[in-house]
N, C-alpha and C. Protein backbone atom coordinates (compact mmCIF):
# COMPACT_ATOMS: atom_id res chain seq x y z
N UNK A 1 76.96 104.07 129.58
CA UNK A 1 78.32 104.87 129.80
C UNK A 1 79.34 103.73 130.44
N UNK A 2 78.71 102.97 131.36
CA UNK A 2 79.63 102.07 132.05
C UNK A 2 80.64 101.20 130.90
N UNK A 3 79.92 100.71 129.98
CA UNK A 3 80.46 99.89 128.91
C UNK A 3 81.83 100.79 128.48
N UNK A 4 81.41 101.96 128.05
CA UNK A 4 82.46 102.89 127.43
C UNK A 4 83.78 102.93 128.22
N UNK A 5 83.61 102.90 129.79
CA UNK A 5 84.61 103.33 130.53
C UNK A 5 85.16 102.00 130.66
N UNK A 6 84.76 100.82 130.54
CA UNK A 6 85.44 99.51 130.56
C UNK A 6 86.09 99.14 129.38
N UNK A 7 85.70 99.65 128.24
CA UNK A 7 86.37 99.47 127.10
C UNK A 7 87.72 100.46 126.89
N UNK A 8 87.51 101.40 127.53
CA UNK A 8 88.67 102.31 127.42
C UNK A 8 89.84 102.07 128.42
N UNK A 9 89.44 101.29 129.63
CA UNK A 9 90.39 100.73 130.38
C UNK A 9 91.04 99.63 129.82
N UNK A 10 90.19 98.77 129.02
CA UNK A 10 90.89 97.71 128.53
C UNK A 10 91.82 98.10 127.52
N UNK A 11 91.39 99.10 126.80
CA UNK A 11 92.26 99.38 125.64
C UNK A 11 93.81 100.09 126.28
N UNK A 12 93.45 100.65 127.41
CA UNK A 12 94.48 101.22 128.08
C UNK A 12 95.48 100.32 128.77
N UNK A 13 94.65 99.18 129.35
CA UNK A 13 95.64 98.08 129.69
C UNK A 13 96.39 97.28 128.64
N UNK A 14 95.78 97.30 127.56
CA UNK A 14 96.15 96.54 126.10
C UNK A 14 97.56 97.51 125.80
N UNK A 15 97.34 98.74 125.85
CA UNK A 15 98.40 99.44 125.19
C UNK A 15 99.64 99.42 126.35
N UNK A 16 99.44 99.25 127.71
CA UNK A 16 100.35 99.27 128.58
C UNK A 16 101.19 97.84 128.87
N UNK A 17 100.48 96.77 128.34
CA UNK A 17 100.90 95.62 128.26
C UNK A 17 101.83 95.32 126.87
N UNK A 18 101.11 95.71 125.96
CA UNK A 18 101.96 95.44 124.63
C UNK A 18 102.64 96.50 124.02
N UNK A 19 102.47 97.77 124.35
CA UNK A 19 102.95 98.78 123.85
C UNK A 19 102.32 99.45 122.50
N UNK A 20 102.81 100.09 121.70
CA UNK A 20 102.43 100.26 120.53
C UNK A 20 103.03 99.76 119.18
N UNK A 21 102.38 99.58 118.13
CA UNK A 21 102.86 98.97 117.01
C UNK A 21 103.95 99.69 116.48
N UNK A 22 104.63 99.14 115.80
CA UNK A 22 105.72 100.02 115.10
C UNK A 22 105.37 100.56 113.83
N UNK A 23 105.87 101.54 113.22
CA UNK A 23 105.70 102.32 112.09
C UNK A 23 105.72 101.30 111.06
N UNK A 24 104.93 101.69 110.02
CA UNK A 24 104.51 100.81 108.83
C UNK A 24 105.75 101.27 107.91
N UNK A 25 106.28 100.05 107.32
CA UNK A 25 107.50 100.42 106.40
C UNK A 25 106.57 100.25 104.77
N UNK A 26 107.01 101.31 104.13
CA UNK A 26 106.42 101.28 102.83
C UNK A 26 106.99 100.18 101.71
N UNK A 27 106.38 99.94 100.95
CA UNK A 27 106.75 98.72 99.94
C UNK A 27 107.97 99.33 99.17
N UNK A 28 108.24 100.69 98.88
CA UNK A 28 109.37 101.07 98.07
C UNK A 28 110.50 100.92 98.93
N UNK A 29 110.53 101.09 100.23
CA UNK A 29 111.73 100.97 101.20
C UNK A 29 112.17 99.45 101.40
N UNK A 30 111.17 98.57 101.16
CA UNK A 30 111.49 97.15 101.30
C UNK A 30 112.11 96.79 99.93
N UNK A 31 111.65 96.93 98.80
CA UNK A 31 112.04 96.30 97.75
C UNK A 31 113.19 97.37 96.97
N UNK A 32 114.16 96.27 96.44
CA UNK A 32 115.41 96.73 95.95
C UNK A 32 115.43 96.74 94.44
N UNK A 33 115.29 97.70 93.77
CA UNK A 33 115.20 97.62 92.16
C UNK A 33 116.29 97.01 91.58
N UNK A 34 116.29 96.11 90.78
CA UNK A 34 117.59 95.24 90.24
C UNK A 34 117.46 94.86 88.64
N UNK A 35 118.24 95.53 87.67
CA UNK A 35 117.90 95.01 86.25
C UNK A 35 118.11 93.75 85.89
N UNK A 36 117.28 93.37 85.12
CA UNK A 36 117.41 91.73 84.57
C UNK A 36 118.30 91.66 83.68
N UNK A 37 118.93 90.64 83.35
CA UNK A 37 119.81 90.38 82.57
C UNK A 37 119.62 89.04 81.64
N UNK A 38 118.58 89.08 80.73
CA UNK A 38 118.25 87.84 80.18
C UNK A 38 119.01 87.16 79.40
N UNK A 39 120.21 87.84 78.64
CA UNK A 39 121.03 87.49 77.61
C UNK A 39 122.40 87.23 78.30
N UNK A 40 122.39 86.85 79.47
CA UNK A 40 123.43 86.65 80.29
C UNK A 40 124.30 85.16 79.83
N UNK A 41 125.19 85.09 78.94
CA UNK A 41 125.58 83.93 78.43
C UNK A 41 126.24 82.73 79.40
N UNK A 42 126.80 83.41 80.77
CA UNK A 42 127.05 82.62 81.71
C UNK A 42 125.91 82.08 82.67
N UNK A 43 124.80 82.22 82.26
CA UNK A 43 123.81 81.86 83.29
C UNK A 43 123.60 80.39 83.23
N UNK A 44 123.76 79.68 81.95
CA UNK A 44 123.29 78.34 81.91
C UNK A 44 124.85 77.47 81.65
N UNK A 45 125.83 78.27 81.91
CA UNK A 45 127.00 77.70 81.31
C UNK A 45 127.45 76.51 82.40
N UNK A 46 128.14 75.51 81.74
CA UNK A 46 128.41 74.41 82.35
C UNK A 46 129.61 74.55 83.48
N UNK A 47 129.60 73.91 84.72
CA UNK A 47 130.56 74.33 85.56
C UNK A 47 130.74 73.03 86.19
N UNK A 48 132.16 72.54 85.92
CA UNK A 48 132.41 71.14 86.29
C UNK A 48 132.52 70.82 87.88
N UNK A 49 132.87 71.96 88.53
CA UNK A 49 132.87 72.02 89.83
C UNK A 49 131.58 71.63 90.57
N UNK A 50 130.54 72.37 89.97
CA UNK A 50 129.12 72.18 90.59
C UNK A 50 128.40 71.29 89.87
N UNK A 51 128.87 70.42 89.14
CA UNK A 51 128.05 69.56 88.35
C UNK A 51 127.37 68.39 89.08
N UNK A 52 128.27 67.90 90.09
CA UNK A 52 127.93 67.03 91.09
C UNK A 52 126.53 67.20 91.71
N UNK A 53 126.23 68.59 91.92
CA UNK A 53 125.16 69.00 92.82
C UNK A 53 123.48 68.19 92.29
N UNK A 54 123.75 68.34 90.74
CA UNK A 54 122.31 67.86 90.20
C UNK A 54 122.50 66.17 90.59
N UNK A 55 123.53 65.61 90.08
CA UNK A 55 123.50 64.30 90.50
C UNK A 55 123.34 63.78 91.96
N UNK A 56 123.81 64.29 92.57
CA UNK A 56 123.70 63.92 93.90
C UNK A 56 122.26 64.16 94.39
N UNK A 57 121.58 65.06 93.93
CA UNK A 57 119.91 65.41 94.25
C UNK A 57 119.43 64.11 93.66
N UNK A 58 119.76 63.69 92.48
CA UNK A 58 118.88 62.65 91.89
C UNK A 58 119.43 61.37 92.44
N UNK A 59 120.49 61.11 92.82
CA UNK A 59 120.81 59.93 93.78
C UNK A 59 119.99 59.86 94.99
N UNK A 60 119.77 60.81 95.65
CA UNK A 60 119.21 61.04 97.01
C UNK A 60 117.69 60.90 96.71
N UNK A 61 117.09 61.28 95.58
CA UNK A 61 115.81 61.08 95.28
C UNK A 61 115.44 59.67 95.29
N UNK A 62 116.48 58.96 94.49
CA UNK A 62 116.02 57.52 93.96
C UNK A 62 116.36 56.74 95.15
N UNK A 63 116.95 57.35 96.38
CA UNK A 63 117.35 56.46 97.29
C UNK A 63 118.65 55.56 97.21
N UNK A 64 119.61 55.75 96.22
CA UNK A 64 120.71 55.21 96.31
C UNK A 64 121.78 55.34 97.15
């Protein structure tokens, strides 16, 4: 019976120190549904202002 009391006091001390855990968040509340647009013609369109990004990464990878 002594071990039960020490376990209860340890649990009470742990709760006093750390408090209680926050409520669980459901997966439905975390995920936001979004419709996919696979036939978007602008997805792979050439953009002159952003074309330097891929070149600069290549230059950085080659160490130039």
